[in-house]
N, C-alpha and C. Protein backbone atom coordinates (compact mmCIF):
# COMPACT_ATOMS: atom_id res chain seq x y z
N MET A 1 -17.62 -23.33 -11.34
CA MET A 1 -16.73 -24.28 -11.98
C MET A 1 -16.97 -24.25 -13.48
N ILE A 2 -15.91 -24.19 -14.24
CA ILE A 2 -16.01 -24.20 -15.70
C ILE A 2 -16.14 -25.64 -16.16
N GLU A 3 -17.08 -25.87 -17.07
CA GLU A 3 -17.25 -27.20 -17.64
C GLU A 3 -16.60 -27.24 -19.01
N VAL A 4 -15.95 -28.35 -19.31
CA VAL A 4 -15.33 -28.54 -20.61
C VAL A 4 -15.67 -29.92 -21.15
N LYS A 5 -15.53 -30.06 -22.47
CA LYS A 5 -15.75 -31.34 -23.14
C LYS A 5 -14.57 -31.58 -24.07
N ALA A 6 -14.02 -32.78 -24.05
CA ALA A 6 -12.88 -33.11 -24.91
C ALA A 6 -13.23 -32.83 -26.36
N LEU A 7 -12.33 -32.14 -27.06
CA LEU A 7 -12.54 -31.79 -28.46
C LEU A 7 -11.65 -32.63 -29.37
N PHE A 8 -10.33 -32.60 -29.15
CA PHE A 8 -9.41 -33.43 -29.91
C PHE A 8 -8.03 -33.41 -29.29
N ARG A 9 -7.21 -34.34 -29.74
CA ARG A 9 -5.77 -34.32 -29.44
C ARG A 9 -5.09 -34.00 -30.77
N LEU A 10 -4.20 -33.02 -30.74
CA LEU A 10 -3.47 -32.61 -31.93
C LEU A 10 -1.99 -32.86 -31.71
N LYS A 11 -1.36 -33.46 -32.72
CA LYS A 11 0.09 -33.64 -32.73
C LYS A 11 0.61 -32.95 -33.98
N ALA A 12 1.48 -31.98 -33.79
CA ALA A 12 2.03 -31.21 -34.91
C ALA A 12 3.53 -31.42 -34.99
N ASN A 13 4.02 -31.64 -36.20
CA ASN A 13 5.45 -31.72 -36.44
C ASN A 13 5.97 -30.30 -36.66
N VAL A 14 7.10 -29.99 -36.03
CA VAL A 14 7.66 -28.65 -36.17
C VAL A 14 9.11 -28.73 -36.61
N ASP A 15 9.53 -27.70 -37.34
CA ASP A 15 10.89 -27.61 -37.86
C ASP A 15 11.73 -26.72 -36.94
N THR A 16 12.99 -26.60 -37.24
CA THR A 16 13.90 -25.75 -36.48
C THR A 16 13.44 -24.30 -36.55
N PRO A 17 13.37 -23.62 -35.42
CA PRO A 17 12.90 -22.23 -35.43
C PRO A 17 13.91 -21.27 -36.04
N GLN A 18 13.38 -20.22 -36.64
CA GLN A 18 14.18 -19.05 -37.02
C GLN A 18 14.15 -18.13 -35.81
N VAL A 19 15.29 -17.58 -35.41
CA VAL A 19 15.38 -16.80 -34.18
C VAL A 19 15.82 -15.37 -34.48
N ILE A 20 15.11 -14.42 -33.88
CA ILE A 20 15.46 -13.00 -33.99
C ILE A 20 15.58 -12.47 -32.56
N ASP A 21 16.75 -11.95 -32.20
CA ASP A 21 16.92 -11.31 -30.90
C ASP A 21 16.45 -9.87 -31.02
N GLY A 22 15.45 -9.51 -30.22
CA GLY A 22 14.91 -8.16 -30.29
C GLY A 22 14.83 -7.53 -28.92
N PRO A 23 14.30 -6.33 -28.84
CA PRO A 23 14.28 -5.59 -27.57
C PRO A 23 13.34 -6.20 -26.52
N LEU A 24 12.35 -7.00 -26.95
CA LEU A 24 11.41 -7.60 -26.01
C LEU A 24 11.78 -9.03 -25.63
N GLY A 25 12.78 -9.58 -26.31
CA GLY A 25 13.18 -10.96 -26.08
C GLY A 25 13.49 -11.62 -27.41
N LYS A 26 13.45 -12.94 -27.42
CA LYS A 26 13.71 -13.69 -28.66
C LYS A 26 12.40 -13.98 -29.36
N ARG A 27 12.36 -13.64 -30.64
CA ARG A 27 11.23 -14.00 -31.49
C ARG A 27 11.57 -15.31 -32.18
N LEU A 28 10.70 -16.28 -32.09
CA LEU A 28 10.91 -17.56 -32.74
C LEU A 28 9.81 -17.77 -33.77
N LEU A 29 10.19 -18.04 -34.99
CA LEU A 29 9.24 -18.43 -36.03
C LEU A 29 9.43 -19.93 -36.20
N ILE A 30 8.45 -20.70 -35.75
CA ILE A 30 8.56 -22.15 -35.76
C ILE A 30 7.61 -22.71 -36.81
N PRO A 31 8.15 -23.21 -37.94
CA PRO A 31 7.30 -23.76 -39.00
C PRO A 31 6.63 -25.07 -38.57
N VAL A 32 5.35 -25.19 -38.90
CA VAL A 32 4.60 -26.43 -38.69
C VAL A 32 4.64 -27.20 -40.01
N THR A 33 5.09 -28.45 -39.95
CA THR A 33 5.32 -29.21 -41.18
C THR A 33 4.35 -30.37 -41.37
N GLY A 34 3.26 -30.38 -40.61
CA GLY A 34 2.26 -31.44 -40.73
C GLY A 34 1.83 -31.93 -39.38
N GLY A 35 1.04 -33.00 -39.38
CA GLY A 35 0.58 -33.58 -38.13
C GLY A 35 -0.80 -34.16 -38.28
N THR A 36 -1.40 -34.49 -37.14
CA THR A 36 -2.74 -35.08 -37.11
C THR A 36 -3.52 -34.50 -35.93
N PHE A 37 -4.83 -34.63 -36.01
CA PHE A 37 -5.70 -34.33 -34.87
C PHE A 37 -6.83 -35.34 -34.88
N SER A 38 -7.30 -35.70 -33.70
CA SER A 38 -8.31 -36.74 -33.61
C SER A 38 -9.21 -36.52 -32.40
N GLY A 39 -10.52 -36.56 -32.66
CA GLY A 39 -11.51 -36.42 -31.60
C GLY A 39 -12.83 -37.01 -32.05
N GLU A 40 -13.81 -37.02 -31.15
CA GLU A 40 -15.11 -37.60 -31.48
C GLU A 40 -15.85 -36.82 -32.56
N GLN A 41 -15.70 -35.49 -32.56
CA GLN A 41 -16.46 -34.66 -33.50
C GLN A 41 -15.68 -34.26 -34.75
N LEU A 42 -14.37 -34.31 -34.69
CA LEU A 42 -13.58 -33.96 -35.87
C LEU A 42 -12.19 -34.57 -35.75
N SER A 43 -11.68 -35.00 -36.89
CA SER A 43 -10.36 -35.60 -37.00
C SER A 43 -9.81 -35.29 -38.37
N GLY A 44 -8.49 -35.37 -38.50
CA GLY A 44 -7.88 -35.14 -39.80
C GLY A 44 -6.40 -34.87 -39.68
N VAL A 45 -5.90 -34.02 -40.59
CA VAL A 45 -4.47 -33.72 -40.62
C VAL A 45 -4.23 -32.23 -40.39
N VAL A 46 -3.06 -31.94 -39.82
CA VAL A 46 -2.57 -30.57 -39.72
C VAL A 46 -1.77 -30.33 -40.99
N GLN A 47 -2.16 -29.33 -41.76
CA GLN A 47 -1.50 -29.09 -43.03
C GLN A 47 -0.16 -28.35 -42.85
N THR A 48 0.75 -28.62 -43.75
CA THR A 48 2.03 -27.92 -43.78
C THR A 48 1.78 -26.44 -44.09
N GLY A 49 2.59 -25.57 -43.52
CA GLY A 49 2.51 -24.16 -43.85
C GLY A 49 2.14 -23.26 -42.70
N GLY A 50 1.68 -23.81 -41.60
CA GLY A 50 1.38 -22.99 -40.45
C GLY A 50 2.64 -22.67 -39.66
N SER A 51 2.50 -21.81 -38.66
CA SER A 51 3.65 -21.43 -37.84
C SER A 51 3.21 -21.04 -36.44
N ASP A 52 4.15 -21.12 -35.54
CA ASP A 52 4.01 -20.57 -34.20
C ASP A 52 4.98 -19.39 -34.14
N PHE A 53 4.43 -18.20 -33.95
CA PHE A 53 5.23 -16.98 -33.84
C PHE A 53 5.36 -16.68 -32.36
N GLN A 54 6.43 -17.13 -31.75
CA GLN A 54 6.61 -17.00 -30.31
C GLN A 54 7.46 -15.79 -29.96
N LEU A 55 7.17 -15.25 -28.80
CA LEU A 55 8.05 -14.28 -28.17
C LEU A 55 8.49 -14.89 -26.86
N VAL A 56 9.78 -15.18 -26.72
CA VAL A 56 10.32 -15.65 -25.45
C VAL A 56 10.79 -14.40 -24.71
N ARG A 57 10.02 -14.04 -23.70
CA ARG A 57 10.25 -12.79 -22.98
C ARG A 57 11.49 -12.87 -22.12
N GLN A 58 11.90 -11.71 -21.62
CA GLN A 58 13.09 -11.63 -20.76
C GLN A 58 12.96 -12.50 -19.51
N ASP A 59 11.71 -12.75 -19.06
CA ASP A 59 11.52 -13.58 -17.86
C ASP A 59 11.43 -15.07 -18.19
N GLY A 60 11.65 -15.43 -19.46
CA GLY A 60 11.66 -16.83 -19.87
C GLY A 60 10.32 -17.40 -20.28
N VAL A 61 9.26 -16.62 -20.16
CA VAL A 61 7.93 -17.07 -20.56
C VAL A 61 7.79 -16.93 -22.08
N ALA A 62 7.32 -17.98 -22.74
CA ALA A 62 7.07 -17.93 -24.18
C ALA A 62 5.61 -17.59 -24.42
N GLU A 63 5.38 -16.48 -25.14
CA GLU A 63 4.03 -16.13 -25.57
C GLU A 63 3.79 -16.81 -26.91
N LEU A 64 2.81 -17.70 -26.98
CA LEU A 64 2.53 -18.49 -28.16
C LEU A 64 1.50 -17.78 -29.03
N ASP A 65 1.73 -17.77 -30.33
CA ASP A 65 0.81 -17.18 -31.31
C ASP A 65 0.82 -18.10 -32.53
N VAL A 66 -0.11 -19.06 -32.52
CA VAL A 66 -0.12 -20.14 -33.51
C VAL A 66 -1.19 -19.91 -34.56
N ARG A 67 -0.85 -20.21 -35.81
CA ARG A 67 -1.81 -20.21 -36.92
C ARG A 67 -1.54 -21.47 -37.74
N VAL A 68 -2.50 -22.38 -37.78
CA VAL A 68 -2.38 -23.57 -38.62
C VAL A 68 -3.71 -23.85 -39.29
N THR A 69 -3.66 -24.62 -40.37
CA THR A 69 -4.90 -25.07 -41.00
C THR A 69 -5.04 -26.57 -40.78
N LEU A 70 -6.27 -26.94 -40.48
CA LEU A 70 -6.64 -28.32 -40.27
C LEU A 70 -7.47 -28.77 -41.46
N LYS A 71 -7.24 -29.96 -41.93
CA LYS A 71 -8.08 -30.54 -42.98
C LYS A 71 -8.74 -31.78 -42.39
N THR A 72 -10.06 -31.74 -42.29
CA THR A 72 -10.79 -32.84 -41.67
C THR A 72 -10.77 -34.07 -42.58
N ASP A 73 -11.09 -35.21 -41.98
CA ASP A 73 -11.13 -36.45 -42.74
C ASP A 73 -12.12 -36.39 -43.90
N ASP A 74 -13.12 -35.52 -43.81
CA ASP A 74 -14.08 -35.39 -44.90
C ASP A 74 -13.77 -34.19 -45.81
N GLY A 75 -12.54 -33.66 -45.74
CA GLY A 75 -12.07 -32.69 -46.72
C GLY A 75 -12.34 -31.23 -46.46
N ILE A 76 -12.75 -30.85 -45.26
CA ILE A 76 -13.04 -29.46 -44.94
C ILE A 76 -11.80 -28.82 -44.31
N THR A 77 -11.45 -27.61 -44.77
CA THR A 77 -10.31 -26.88 -44.23
C THR A 77 -10.78 -25.87 -43.18
N ILE A 78 -10.12 -25.89 -42.03
CA ILE A 78 -10.47 -25.04 -40.89
C ILE A 78 -9.21 -24.36 -40.40
N GLN A 79 -9.30 -23.07 -40.09
CA GLN A 79 -8.15 -22.39 -39.49
C GLN A 79 -8.24 -22.50 -37.97
N LEU A 80 -7.10 -22.79 -37.36
CA LEU A 80 -6.97 -22.82 -35.91
C LEU A 80 -6.00 -21.72 -35.50
N LYS A 81 -6.45 -20.86 -34.59
CA LYS A 81 -5.60 -19.82 -34.01
C LYS A 81 -5.45 -20.13 -32.53
N GLY A 82 -4.21 -20.14 -32.06
CA GLY A 82 -3.96 -20.41 -30.66
C GLY A 82 -3.11 -19.32 -30.04
N HIS A 83 -3.50 -18.90 -28.84
CA HIS A 83 -2.74 -17.91 -28.08
C HIS A 83 -2.52 -18.48 -26.69
N GLY A 84 -1.27 -18.51 -26.25
CA GLY A 84 -1.03 -19.11 -24.96
C GLY A 84 0.31 -18.76 -24.36
N LEU A 85 0.64 -19.49 -23.31
CA LEU A 85 1.89 -19.30 -22.58
C LEU A 85 2.55 -20.65 -22.31
N ARG A 86 3.87 -20.64 -22.37
CA ARG A 86 4.64 -21.82 -21.98
C ARG A 86 5.83 -21.33 -21.16
N HIS A 87 6.08 -21.99 -20.03
CA HIS A 87 7.27 -21.64 -19.26
C HIS A 87 7.73 -22.83 -18.44
N THR A 88 9.02 -22.82 -18.17
CA THR A 88 9.66 -23.84 -17.36
C THR A 88 11.04 -23.33 -16.96
N THR A 89 11.82 -24.18 -16.37
CA THR A 89 13.19 -23.80 -16.03
C THR A 89 14.06 -23.93 -17.27
N PRO A 90 15.16 -23.20 -17.33
CA PRO A 90 16.09 -23.36 -18.46
C PRO A 90 16.59 -24.79 -18.61
N GLU A 91 16.77 -25.49 -17.51
CA GLU A 91 17.26 -26.87 -17.56
C GLU A 91 16.24 -27.80 -18.21
N VAL A 92 14.97 -27.66 -17.87
CA VAL A 92 13.93 -28.51 -18.46
C VAL A 92 13.79 -28.20 -19.94
N PHE A 93 13.82 -26.92 -20.31
CA PHE A 93 13.70 -26.57 -21.73
C PHE A 93 14.88 -27.13 -22.52
N ALA A 94 16.07 -27.09 -21.96
CA ALA A 94 17.25 -27.65 -22.64
C ALA A 94 17.06 -29.16 -22.86
N ARG A 95 16.48 -29.85 -21.88
CA ARG A 95 16.22 -31.29 -22.04
C ARG A 95 15.22 -31.54 -23.16
N ILE A 96 14.18 -30.70 -23.24
CA ILE A 96 13.18 -30.84 -24.31
C ILE A 96 13.86 -30.67 -25.66
N MET A 97 14.63 -29.60 -25.81
CA MET A 97 15.23 -29.28 -27.11
C MET A 97 16.36 -30.23 -27.49
N SER A 98 16.90 -30.97 -26.53
CA SER A 98 17.94 -31.95 -26.87
C SER A 98 17.33 -33.28 -27.31
N GLY A 99 16.00 -33.35 -27.28
CA GLY A 99 15.32 -34.56 -27.72
C GLY A 99 14.96 -35.51 -26.61
N GLY A 100 15.24 -35.12 -25.38
CA GLY A 100 14.90 -35.97 -24.25
C GLY A 100 13.39 -35.99 -24.01
N VAL A 101 12.92 -37.06 -23.41
CA VAL A 101 11.51 -37.17 -23.06
C VAL A 101 11.30 -36.45 -21.73
N VAL A 102 10.45 -35.44 -21.75
CA VAL A 102 10.18 -34.65 -20.56
C VAL A 102 8.68 -34.67 -20.30
N ASP A 103 8.28 -35.09 -19.14
CA ASP A 103 6.87 -35.15 -18.79
C ASP A 103 6.28 -33.74 -18.79
N ALA A 104 5.09 -33.60 -19.35
CA ALA A 104 4.44 -32.28 -19.45
C ALA A 104 4.15 -31.66 -18.10
N SER A 105 4.18 -32.45 -17.04
CA SER A 105 3.96 -31.89 -15.69
C SER A 105 5.14 -31.04 -15.23
N GLU A 106 6.26 -31.11 -15.96
CA GLU A 106 7.45 -30.35 -15.57
C GLU A 106 7.45 -28.93 -16.13
N TYR A 107 6.43 -28.57 -16.88
CA TYR A 107 6.35 -27.21 -17.40
C TYR A 107 4.89 -26.83 -17.62
N TYR A 108 4.67 -25.55 -17.81
CA TYR A 108 3.33 -24.99 -18.02
C TYR A 108 3.17 -24.68 -19.50
N PHE A 109 2.10 -25.21 -20.14
CA PHE A 109 1.85 -24.98 -21.56
C PHE A 109 0.33 -24.97 -21.72
N ARG A 110 -0.25 -23.79 -21.85
CA ARG A 110 -1.70 -23.64 -21.98
C ARG A 110 -2.01 -22.68 -23.12
N GLU A 111 -3.14 -22.93 -23.79
CA GLU A 111 -3.56 -22.08 -24.91
C GLU A 111 -5.07 -21.87 -24.91
N ALA A 112 -5.48 -20.74 -25.46
CA ALA A 112 -6.87 -20.49 -25.83
C ALA A 112 -6.93 -20.67 -27.34
N LEU A 113 -7.92 -21.43 -27.81
CA LEU A 113 -8.03 -21.75 -29.23
C LEU A 113 -9.29 -21.15 -29.84
N PHE A 114 -9.14 -20.65 -31.06
CA PHE A 114 -10.25 -20.08 -31.82
C PHE A 114 -10.21 -20.67 -33.22
N PHE A 115 -11.38 -20.78 -33.84
CA PHE A 115 -11.48 -21.44 -35.14
C PHE A 115 -12.18 -20.57 -36.16
N GLU A 116 -11.85 -20.81 -37.44
CA GLU A 116 -12.59 -20.25 -38.57
C GLU A 116 -12.93 -21.42 -39.48
N ALA A 117 -14.22 -21.73 -39.57
CA ALA A 117 -14.69 -22.86 -40.38
C ALA A 117 -15.76 -22.37 -41.35
N PRO A 118 -15.88 -23.01 -42.51
CA PRO A 118 -16.91 -22.62 -43.46
C PRO A 118 -18.30 -23.04 -42.97
N ALA A 119 -19.33 -22.47 -43.59
CA ALA A 119 -20.70 -22.86 -43.27
C ALA A 119 -20.86 -24.36 -43.51
N GLY A 120 -21.67 -24.98 -42.69
CA GLY A 120 -21.90 -26.40 -42.84
C GLY A 120 -21.62 -27.16 -41.56
N LYS A 121 -21.12 -28.35 -41.72
CA LYS A 121 -20.96 -29.31 -40.64
C LYS A 121 -20.12 -28.80 -39.46
N TYR A 122 -19.12 -27.95 -39.73
CA TYR A 122 -18.20 -27.52 -38.67
C TYR A 122 -18.36 -26.05 -38.27
N GLU A 123 -19.40 -25.39 -38.74
CA GLU A 123 -19.54 -23.96 -38.43
C GLU A 123 -19.74 -23.70 -36.94
N TRP A 124 -20.15 -24.69 -36.19
CA TRP A 124 -20.28 -24.55 -34.74
C TRP A 124 -18.95 -24.16 -34.09
N LEU A 125 -17.82 -24.51 -34.73
CA LEU A 125 -16.51 -24.15 -34.20
C LEU A 125 -16.31 -22.63 -34.15
N ASN A 126 -17.00 -21.90 -35.05
CA ASN A 126 -16.88 -20.44 -35.09
C ASN A 126 -17.48 -19.76 -33.86
N ARG A 127 -18.25 -20.52 -33.10
CA ARG A 127 -18.97 -19.94 -31.97
C ARG A 127 -18.51 -20.48 -30.61
N ILE A 128 -17.34 -21.10 -30.59
CA ILE A 128 -16.84 -21.62 -29.31
C ILE A 128 -15.44 -21.09 -29.02
N ILE A 129 -15.08 -21.18 -27.78
CA ILE A 129 -13.70 -21.00 -27.34
C ILE A 129 -13.26 -22.34 -26.79
N ALA A 130 -12.07 -22.73 -27.14
CA ALA A 130 -11.51 -23.96 -26.60
C ALA A 130 -10.26 -23.62 -25.81
N ILE A 131 -9.94 -24.46 -24.88
CA ILE A 131 -8.71 -24.32 -24.12
C ILE A 131 -7.89 -25.59 -24.34
N ALA A 132 -6.59 -25.47 -24.18
CA ALA A 132 -5.74 -26.62 -24.43
C ALA A 132 -4.59 -26.67 -23.43
N LYS A 133 -4.20 -27.89 -23.14
CA LYS A 133 -3.01 -28.16 -22.35
C LYS A 133 -2.05 -28.87 -23.28
N GLY A 134 -0.82 -28.40 -23.33
CA GLY A 134 0.08 -28.94 -24.33
C GLY A 134 1.37 -29.49 -23.81
N GLY A 135 2.13 -30.01 -24.75
CA GLY A 135 3.46 -30.54 -24.47
C GLY A 135 4.37 -30.27 -25.65
N ARG A 136 5.66 -30.20 -25.38
CA ARG A 136 6.63 -29.85 -26.42
C ARG A 136 7.76 -30.86 -26.40
N MET A 137 8.10 -31.35 -27.56
CA MET A 137 9.28 -32.17 -27.76
C MET A 137 10.13 -31.46 -28.81
N LYS A 138 11.31 -31.96 -29.08
CA LYS A 138 12.22 -31.27 -29.99
C LYS A 138 11.57 -30.98 -31.34
N SER A 139 10.89 -31.96 -31.95
CA SER A 139 10.32 -31.75 -33.28
C SER A 139 8.83 -32.04 -33.34
N GLU A 140 8.17 -32.01 -32.17
CA GLU A 140 6.73 -32.27 -32.14
C GLU A 140 6.10 -31.49 -30.99
N VAL A 141 4.89 -31.04 -31.24
CA VAL A 141 4.08 -30.38 -30.22
C VAL A 141 2.76 -31.14 -30.16
N PHE A 142 2.23 -31.31 -28.97
CA PHE A 142 0.90 -31.91 -28.86
C PHE A 142 0.05 -31.05 -27.95
N ILE A 143 -1.24 -31.02 -28.25
CA ILE A 143 -2.18 -30.33 -27.37
C ILE A 143 -3.43 -31.20 -27.22
N ASP A 144 -3.98 -31.18 -26.03
CA ASP A 144 -5.28 -31.76 -25.76
C ASP A 144 -6.24 -30.59 -25.66
N ALA A 145 -7.19 -30.52 -26.61
CA ALA A 145 -8.10 -29.38 -26.71
C ALA A 145 -9.47 -29.74 -26.12
N TYR A 146 -10.07 -28.76 -25.42
CA TYR A 146 -11.35 -28.93 -24.78
C TYR A 146 -12.26 -27.76 -25.10
N GLU A 147 -13.49 -28.05 -25.49
CA GLU A 147 -14.48 -27.00 -25.71
C GLU A 147 -14.95 -26.51 -24.34
N VAL A 148 -14.97 -25.18 -24.17
CA VAL A 148 -15.52 -24.60 -22.95
C VAL A 148 -17.03 -24.53 -23.14
N LEU A 149 -17.76 -25.19 -22.23
CA LEU A 149 -19.23 -25.25 -22.35
C LEU A 149 -19.89 -24.06 -21.70
């Protein structure tokens, strides 16, 4: 059994995606425009300027490739990289994108998280892998992140 410890809850504001239809599916560039994260060991804001570079494959599965910077409450900047998968039915995704409230149990949204932090108080993040379960709304994404022990 894998043991995990709660790390933080992150809420990110996202803008309208740029869409490119390509041979592997739709590429979505989704700008991150801010947000917050909060946990026992670290809390702060999600800085503007990050993005989720998604590939929505022909089978409807979205491959997530996220890069954002976090600024802790004590002023330290940390890079968060997330790689994951999200999938659901076309009907549920349409409800999400129309702004409807959709329970996260109606779709699959999981990520592996990696960090780059400077030496000091948060350098322990450089030596862990975290996993996350997420949710998607029209203009917001949230993830509950857990350190794998």
